[in-house]
Amino acid sequence: MSSSLPIVLQEIADITGDAMDAIELAQNYGGSRVQIPAYVQPEGHWLTDLVGLKKAKQICDFYRVITPEGRSIGYYMDVPLGLKSRHEIIRKRIDSLLAEGRSHDVIAREVGVSRLTVLRRSKEKPPDRGQMDLFSH
């Protein structure tokens, strides 16, 4: 995943397989302490509502603590305020959507940037066509 995420958020991205889950966690709960329950909670719990039942279960399973007495307890997490480099995340998301062949307008709406930002990024980074560079070593 991306090294532009703080360690806690990187861990969430690794667990769920999606950096956007970590970004949403930071946007919604950054700067606060949250409790990750020992076991996934049904809909209506903040974590399940944020990432969905399947991913919430993955997160709960990862952070579950077993006490010396054999009890399962949750984990308190201090959520970082945000990303080390929000611009880097945005660029990577734009690159990913460009590689999928999405239009500049669709990418701009999905990422939350202007169409001009997407157009500039598409000109900075030529599309990868799966071919090696003729002049690389």
N, C-alpha and C. Protein backbone atom coordinates (compact mmCIF):
# COMPACT_ATOMS: atom_id res chain seq x y z
N MET A 1 0.84 -1.18 0.00
CA MET A 1 0.00 0.00 0.00
C MET A 1 0.88 1.25 0.00
N SER A 2 0.27 2.37 0.31
CA SER A 2 0.96 3.65 0.20
C SER A 2 1.71 4.01 1.47
N SER A 3 2.96 4.47 1.31
CA SER A 3 3.74 4.90 2.47
C SER A 3 3.37 6.31 2.89
N SER A 4 2.43 6.96 2.19
CA SER A 4 2.03 8.32 2.56
C SER A 4 1.00 8.31 3.68
N LEU A 5 0.58 7.14 4.11
CA LEU A 5 -0.36 7.04 5.22
C LEU A 5 0.40 6.90 6.54
N PRO A 6 -0.10 7.54 7.61
CA PRO A 6 0.48 7.28 8.93
C PRO A 6 0.35 5.79 9.25
N ILE A 7 1.18 5.29 10.13
CA ILE A 7 1.25 3.85 10.41
C ILE A 7 -0.10 3.24 10.75
N VAL A 8 -0.87 3.89 11.62
CA VAL A 8 -2.17 3.35 12.02
C VAL A 8 -3.10 3.22 10.81
N LEU A 9 -3.12 4.24 9.97
CA LEU A 9 -3.98 4.20 8.79
C LEU A 9 -3.46 3.19 7.78
N GLN A 10 -2.15 3.07 7.67
CA GLN A 10 -1.57 2.08 6.76
C GLN A 10 -1.99 0.67 7.18
N GLU A 11 -2.02 0.46 8.49
CA GLU A 11 -2.43 -0.85 9.02
C GLU A 11 -3.87 -1.16 8.62
N ILE A 12 -4.76 -0.17 8.75
CA ILE A 12 -6.16 -0.36 8.35
C ILE A 12 -6.24 -0.66 6.85
N ALA A 13 -5.49 0.09 6.05
CA ALA A 13 -5.49 -0.14 4.60
C ALA A 13 -5.00 -1.54 4.27
N ASP A 14 -4.00 -2.01 4.97
CA ASP A 14 -3.48 -3.36 4.75
C ASP A 14 -4.51 -4.42 5.15
N ILE A 15 -5.22 -4.19 6.24
CA ILE A 15 -6.20 -5.16 6.73
C ILE A 15 -7.36 -5.29 5.75
N THR A 16 -7.89 -4.16 5.29
CA THR A 16 -9.07 -4.20 4.42
C THR A 16 -8.72 -4.33 2.95
N GLY A 17 -7.46 -4.02 2.61
CA GLY A 17 -7.06 -4.08 1.21
C GLY A 17 -7.45 -2.84 0.42
N ASP A 18 -7.86 -1.77 1.12
CA ASP A 18 -8.32 -0.57 0.42
C ASP A 18 -7.91 0.67 1.21
N ALA A 19 -7.04 1.48 0.63
CA ALA A 19 -6.57 2.70 1.29
C ALA A 19 -7.71 3.68 1.53
N MET A 20 -8.77 3.60 0.73
CA MET A 20 -9.89 4.52 0.92
C MET A 20 -10.58 4.29 2.27
N ASP A 21 -10.55 3.07 2.78
CA ASP A 21 -11.12 2.81 4.11
C ASP A 21 -10.35 3.59 5.17
N ALA A 22 -9.03 3.59 5.06
CA ALA A 22 -8.19 4.32 6.01
C ALA A 22 -8.40 5.83 5.88
N ILE A 23 -8.54 6.30 4.66
CA ILE A 23 -8.75 7.73 4.43
C ILE A 23 -10.09 8.16 5.03
N GLU A 24 -11.12 7.36 4.83
CA GLU A 24 -12.44 7.68 5.39
C GLU A 24 -12.40 7.66 6.92
N LEU A 25 -11.65 6.72 7.49
CA LEU A 25 -11.50 6.67 8.94
C LEU A 25 -10.90 7.98 9.45
N ALA A 26 -9.85 8.44 8.77
CA ALA A 26 -9.19 9.69 9.16
C ALA A 26 -10.13 10.89 8.98
N GLN A 27 -10.88 10.91 7.88
CA GLN A 27 -11.77 12.03 7.63
C GLN A 27 -12.90 12.10 8.65
N ASN A 28 -13.39 10.95 9.08
CA ASN A 28 -14.54 10.92 9.99
C ASN A 28 -14.16 10.92 11.47
N TYR A 29 -13.01 10.34 11.80
CA TYR A 29 -12.66 10.16 13.22
C TYR A 29 -11.25 10.64 13.57
N GLY A 30 -10.58 11.30 12.63
CA GLY A 30 -9.23 11.78 12.87
C GLY A 30 -9.14 12.70 14.08
N GLY A 31 -8.12 12.48 14.90
CA GLY A 31 -7.91 13.30 16.08
C GLY A 31 -8.65 12.79 17.31
N SER A 32 -9.38 11.70 17.16
CA SER A 32 -10.11 11.16 18.31
C SER A 32 -9.69 9.73 18.61
N ARG A 33 -10.16 9.24 19.73
CA ARG A 33 -9.89 7.85 20.13
C ARG A 33 -11.18 7.07 19.89
N VAL A 34 -11.05 5.95 19.21
CA VAL A 34 -12.20 5.09 18.94
C VAL A 34 -11.95 3.71 19.52
N GLN A 35 -13.03 3.00 19.80
CA GLN A 35 -12.88 1.63 20.26
C GLN A 35 -13.23 0.68 19.13
N ILE A 36 -12.29 -0.20 18.85
CA ILE A 36 -12.53 -1.29 17.91
C ILE A 36 -13.06 -2.43 18.77
N PRO A 37 -14.30 -2.88 18.53
CA PRO A 37 -14.84 -3.94 19.38
C PRO A 37 -14.13 -5.27 19.16
N ALA A 38 -14.22 -6.14 20.15
CA ALA A 38 -13.58 -7.46 20.03
C ALA A 38 -14.21 -8.26 18.90
N TYR A 39 -15.50 -8.10 18.72
CA TYR A 39 -16.22 -8.81 17.65
C TYR A 39 -17.05 -7.81 16.87
N VAL A 40 -17.17 -8.08 15.59
CA VAL A 40 -17.91 -7.18 14.71
C VAL A 40 -19.33 -6.97 15.23
N GLN A 41 -19.77 -5.73 15.14
CA GLN A 41 -21.12 -5.37 15.57
C GLN A 41 -22.01 -5.23 14.33
N PRO A 42 -23.30 -5.47 14.48
CA PRO A 42 -24.21 -5.35 13.34
C PRO A 42 -24.30 -3.90 12.88
N GLU A 43 -25.03 -3.70 11.80
CA GLU A 43 -25.23 -2.34 11.28
C GLU A 43 -25.73 -1.43 12.38
N GLY A 44 -25.32 -0.19 12.33
CA GLY A 44 -25.65 0.76 13.38
C GLY A 44 -24.45 1.08 14.25
N HIS A 45 -23.40 0.27 14.16
CA HIS A 45 -22.15 0.56 14.86
C HIS A 45 -21.30 1.41 13.92
N TRP A 46 -20.57 2.36 14.46
CA TRP A 46 -19.81 3.29 13.62
C TRP A 46 -18.86 2.58 12.66
N LEU A 47 -18.18 1.52 13.11
CA LEU A 47 -17.20 0.84 12.26
C LEU A 47 -17.88 0.11 11.11
N THR A 48 -18.95 -0.60 11.41
CA THR A 48 -19.69 -1.32 10.37
C THR A 48 -20.28 -0.34 9.37
N ASP A 49 -20.81 0.77 9.86
CA ASP A 49 -21.38 1.77 8.97
C ASP A 49 -20.31 2.40 8.08
N LEU A 50 -19.10 2.52 8.59
CA LEU A 50 -18.02 3.16 7.84
C LEU A 50 -17.45 2.27 6.74
N VAL A 51 -17.17 1.00 7.05
CA VAL A 51 -16.47 0.14 6.09
C VAL A 51 -17.27 -1.08 5.64
N GLY A 52 -18.41 -1.32 6.23
CA GLY A 52 -19.20 -2.49 5.87
C GLY A 52 -18.90 -3.66 6.80
N LEU A 53 -19.81 -4.62 6.82
CA LEU A 53 -19.73 -5.73 7.76
C LEU A 53 -18.49 -6.59 7.57
N LYS A 54 -18.18 -6.94 6.32
CA LYS A 54 -17.04 -7.84 6.05
C LYS A 54 -15.72 -7.21 6.50
N LYS A 55 -15.50 -5.96 6.11
CA LYS A 55 -14.25 -5.28 6.46
C LYS A 55 -14.18 -4.98 7.96
N ALA A 56 -15.33 -4.66 8.56
CA ALA A 56 -15.36 -4.42 10.01
C ALA A 56 -14.95 -5.69 10.75
N LYS A 57 -15.40 -6.84 10.26
CA LYS A 57 -15.01 -8.12 10.88
C LYS A 57 -13.50 -8.33 10.77
N GLN A 58 -12.92 -8.01 9.61
CA GLN A 58 -11.48 -8.15 9.43
C GLN A 58 -10.72 -7.26 10.43
N ILE A 59 -11.19 -6.04 10.59
CA ILE A 59 -10.54 -5.10 11.51
C ILE A 59 -10.66 -5.59 12.95
N CYS A 60 -11.86 -6.01 13.34
CA CYS A 60 -12.08 -6.52 14.71
C CYS A 60 -11.22 -7.74 14.98
N ASP A 61 -11.16 -8.65 14.02
CA ASP A 61 -10.35 -9.86 14.18
C ASP A 61 -8.87 -9.51 14.38
N PHE A 62 -8.39 -8.52 13.63
CA PHE A 62 -6.99 -8.13 13.70
C PHE A 62 -6.64 -7.51 15.05
N TYR A 63 -7.52 -6.64 15.55
CA TYR A 63 -7.21 -5.88 16.76
C TYR A 63 -7.70 -6.54 18.05
N ARG A 64 -8.40 -7.66 17.96
CA ARG A 64 -8.91 -8.33 19.16
C ARG A 64 -7.76 -8.69 20.09
N VAL A 65 -7.94 -8.41 21.38
CA VAL A 65 -6.93 -8.73 22.40
C VAL A 65 -7.49 -9.84 23.28
N ILE A 66 -6.69 -10.86 23.52
CA ILE A 66 -7.07 -11.95 24.42
C ILE A 66 -6.34 -11.73 25.75
N THR A 67 -7.10 -11.59 26.82
CA THR A 67 -6.51 -11.35 28.14
C THR A 67 -5.89 -12.64 28.68
N PRO A 68 -5.04 -12.55 29.71
CA PRO A 68 -4.48 -13.76 30.32
C PRO A 68 -5.56 -14.73 30.82
N GLU A 69 -6.74 -14.17 31.13
CA GLU A 69 -7.85 -15.02 31.58
C GLU A 69 -8.59 -15.66 30.42
N GLY A 70 -8.19 -15.32 29.20
CA GLY A 70 -8.84 -15.89 28.02
C GLY A 70 -10.04 -15.11 27.51
N ARG A 71 -10.27 -13.92 28.05
CA ARG A 71 -11.38 -13.08 27.58
C ARG A 71 -10.95 -12.27 26.36
N SER A 72 -11.88 -12.08 25.45
CA SER A 72 -11.63 -11.23 24.28
C SER A 72 -12.09 -9.82 24.59
N ILE A 73 -11.21 -8.86 24.34
CA ILE A 73 -11.57 -7.46 24.56
C ILE A 73 -11.22 -6.66 23.32
N GLY A 74 -11.85 -5.50 23.21
CA GLY A 74 -11.61 -4.61 22.08
C GLY A 74 -10.31 -3.84 22.25
N TYR A 75 -10.10 -2.91 21.34
CA TYR A 75 -8.85 -2.16 21.29
C TYR A 75 -9.18 -0.68 21.12
N TYR A 76 -8.54 0.18 21.88
CA TYR A 76 -8.70 1.62 21.71
C TYR A 76 -7.63 2.12 20.76
N MET A 77 -8.07 2.86 19.75
CA MET A 77 -7.16 3.36 18.72
C MET A 77 -7.24 4.88 18.66
N ASP A 78 -6.08 5.52 18.68
CA ASP A 78 -6.00 6.96 18.44
C ASP A 78 -5.86 7.14 16.93
N VAL A 79 -6.88 7.74 16.33
CA VAL A 79 -6.90 7.89 14.87
C VAL A 79 -6.16 9.17 14.49
N PRO A 80 -5.16 9.07 13.62
CA PRO A 80 -4.43 10.26 13.18
C PRO A 80 -5.36 11.25 12.47
N LEU A 81 -4.97 12.51 12.50
CA LEU A 81 -5.78 13.54 11.86
C LEU A 81 -5.90 13.35 10.36
N GLY A 82 -4.90 12.82 9.73
CA GLY A 82 -5.01 12.68 8.29
C GLY A 82 -3.79 12.08 7.67
N LEU A 83 -3.64 12.39 6.43
CA LEU A 83 -2.60 11.79 5.61
C LEU A 83 -1.30 12.56 5.70
N LYS A 84 -0.22 11.86 5.48
CA LYS A 84 1.08 12.53 5.40
C LYS A 84 1.10 13.42 4.17
N SER A 85 0.54 12.93 3.10
CA SER A 85 0.53 13.69 1.86
C SER A 85 -0.77 13.45 1.12
N ARG A 86 -1.76 14.28 1.41
CA ARG A 86 -3.07 14.14 0.76
C ARG A 86 -2.92 14.24 -0.75
N HIS A 87 -2.04 15.11 -1.21
CA HIS A 87 -1.85 15.28 -2.65
C HIS A 87 -1.35 14.00 -3.31
N GLU A 88 -0.48 13.28 -2.61
CA GLU A 88 0.04 12.03 -3.16
C GLU A 88 -1.08 11.00 -3.30
N ILE A 89 -1.95 10.93 -2.32
CA ILE A 89 -3.09 10.00 -2.38
C ILE A 89 -4.00 10.37 -3.54
N ILE A 90 -4.27 11.65 -3.70
CA ILE A 90 -5.13 12.10 -4.79
C ILE A 90 -4.50 11.76 -6.13
N ARG A 91 -3.20 12.02 -6.28
CA ARG A 91 -2.52 11.70 -7.54
C ARG A 91 -2.60 10.21 -7.84
N LYS A 92 -2.39 9.37 -6.82
CA LYS A 92 -2.45 7.92 -7.03
C LYS A 92 -3.85 7.48 -7.43
N ARG A 93 -4.86 8.08 -6.81
CA ARG A 93 -6.25 7.74 -7.14
C ARG A 93 -6.56 8.16 -8.58
N ILE A 94 -6.13 9.35 -8.96
CA ILE A 94 -6.34 9.81 -10.34
C ILE A 94 -5.63 8.88 -11.31
N ASP A 95 -4.38 8.53 -11.02
CA ASP A 95 -3.62 7.61 -11.88
C ASP A 95 -4.34 6.28 -12.04
N SER A 96 -4.86 5.77 -10.94
CA SER A 96 -5.57 4.49 -10.96
C SER A 96 -6.81 4.56 -11.85
N LEU A 97 -7.57 5.63 -11.71
CA LEU A 97 -8.79 5.78 -12.51
C LEU A 97 -8.47 6.05 -13.97
N LEU A 98 -7.39 6.79 -14.23
CA LEU A 98 -6.96 7.00 -15.62
C LEU A 98 -6.58 5.66 -16.26
N ALA A 99 -5.88 4.83 -15.50
CA ALA A 99 -5.47 3.51 -16.01
C ALA A 99 -6.68 2.64 -16.32
N GLU A 100 -7.79 2.86 -15.60
CA GLU A 100 -9.02 2.11 -15.86
C GLU A 100 -9.76 2.65 -17.08
N GLY A 101 -9.29 3.79 -17.60
CA GLY A 101 -9.91 4.36 -18.79
C GLY A 101 -11.09 5.27 -18.51
N ARG A 102 -11.22 5.73 -17.28
CA ARG A 102 -12.34 6.61 -16.93
C ARG A 102 -12.13 7.99 -17.56
N SER A 103 -13.22 8.69 -17.80
CA SER A 103 -13.13 10.03 -18.39
C SER A 103 -12.67 11.04 -17.34
N HIS A 104 -12.14 12.16 -17.82
CA HIS A 104 -11.66 13.21 -16.92
C HIS A 104 -12.79 13.73 -16.04
N ASP A 105 -13.98 13.89 -16.62
CA ASP A 105 -15.12 14.39 -15.85
C ASP A 105 -15.52 13.43 -14.73
N VAL A 106 -15.57 12.15 -15.05
CA VAL A 106 -15.95 11.14 -14.06
C VAL A 106 -14.92 11.10 -12.93
N ILE A 107 -13.64 11.12 -13.30
CA ILE A 107 -12.56 11.09 -12.29
C ILE A 107 -12.65 12.31 -11.39
N ALA A 108 -12.85 13.48 -11.98
CA ALA A 108 -12.93 14.71 -11.19
C ALA A 108 -14.04 14.63 -10.15
N ARG A 109 -15.20 14.13 -10.56
CA ARG A 109 -16.33 14.01 -9.62
C ARG A 109 -16.03 12.99 -8.54
N GLU A 110 -15.46 11.85 -8.94
CA GLU A 110 -15.21 10.77 -7.98
C GLU A 110 -14.14 11.14 -6.95
N VAL A 111 -13.09 11.81 -7.40
CA VAL A 111 -11.97 12.14 -6.51
C VAL A 111 -12.21 13.45 -5.75
N GLY A 112 -13.07 14.31 -6.30
CA GLY A 112 -13.35 15.58 -5.64
C GLY A 112 -12.36 16.67 -5.98
N VAL A 113 -11.90 16.65 -7.23
CA VAL A 113 -10.98 17.68 -7.73
C VAL A 113 -11.57 18.26 -9.01
N SER A 114 -10.93 19.29 -9.54
CA SER A 114 -11.42 19.87 -10.78
C SER A 114 -11.01 19.02 -11.98
N ARG A 115 -11.75 19.17 -13.06
CA ARG A 115 -11.43 18.47 -14.31
C ARG A 115 -10.04 18.88 -14.78
N LEU A 116 -9.69 20.14 -14.58
CA LEU A 116 -8.38 20.64 -15.00
C LEU A 116 -7.25 19.93 -14.24
N THR A 117 -7.46 19.65 -12.96
CA THR A 117 -6.47 18.90 -12.18
C THR A 117 -6.24 17.52 -12.78
N VAL A 118 -7.33 16.86 -13.16
CA VAL A 118 -7.22 15.53 -13.77
C VAL A 118 -6.52 15.62 -15.12
N LEU A 119 -6.88 16.62 -15.91
CA LEU A 119 -6.26 16.80 -17.23
C LEU A 119 -4.75 17.04 -17.09
N ARG A 120 -4.35 17.89 -16.15
CA ARG A 120 -2.92 18.15 -15.92
C ARG A 120 -2.20 16.87 -15.51
N ARG A 121 -2.81 16.10 -14.61
CA ARG A 121 -2.18 14.85 -14.15
C ARG A 121 -2.05 13.87 -15.30
N SER A 122 -3.04 13.80 -16.16
CA SER A 122 -2.97 12.86 -17.28
C SER A 122 -1.85 13.23 -18.25
N LYS A 123 -1.54 14.52 -18.35
CA LYS A 123 -0.44 14.95 -19.22
C LYS A 123 0.92 14.75 -18.56
N GLU A 124 0.97 14.80 -17.21
CA GLU A 124 2.23 14.59 -16.48
C GLU A 124 2.68 13.15 -16.56
N LYS A 125 1.74 12.25 -16.52
CA LYS A 125 2.06 10.82 -16.42
C LYS A 125 1.46 10.10 -17.62
N PRO A 126 2.28 9.71 -18.58
CA PRO A 126 1.72 8.99 -19.73
C PRO A 126 1.14 7.65 -19.29
N PRO A 127 0.07 7.20 -19.94
CA PRO A 127 -0.54 5.93 -19.54
C PRO A 127 0.40 4.76 -19.73
N ASP A 128 0.34 3.82 -18.80
CA ASP A 128 1.14 2.60 -18.87
C ASP A 128 0.42 1.61 -19.75
N ARG A 129 1.01 1.27 -20.86
CA ARG A 129 0.38 0.35 -21.79
C ARG A 129 0.91 -1.07 -21.62
N GLY A 130 1.62 -1.30 -20.51
CA GLY A 130 2.13 -2.63 -20.25
C GLY A 130 3.38 -2.96 -21.04
N GLN A 131 3.97 -1.95 -21.69
CA GLN A 131 5.18 -2.18 -22.46
C GLN A 131 6.37 -1.60 -21.72
N MET A 132 7.51 -2.26 -21.89
CA MET A 132 8.73 -1.74 -21.30
C MET A 132 9.22 -0.55 -22.11
N ASP A 133 9.91 0.36 -21.46
CA ASP A 133 10.50 1.51 -22.13
C ASP A 133 11.65 1.03 -23.01
N LEU A 134 11.65 1.45 -24.25
CA LEU A 134 12.67 1.05 -25.21
C LEU A 134 14.07 1.46 -24.76
N PHE A 135 14.15 2.57 -24.01
CA PHE A 135 15.46 3.10 -23.65
C PHE A 135 15.85 2.84 -22.20
N SER A 136 15.05 2.07 -21.46
CA SER A 136 15.41 1.77 -20.07
C SER A 136 16.39 0.61 -20.03
N HIS A 137 17.13 0.53 -18.96
CA HIS A 137 18.12 -0.54 -18.82
C HIS A 137 17.64 -1.58 -17.88
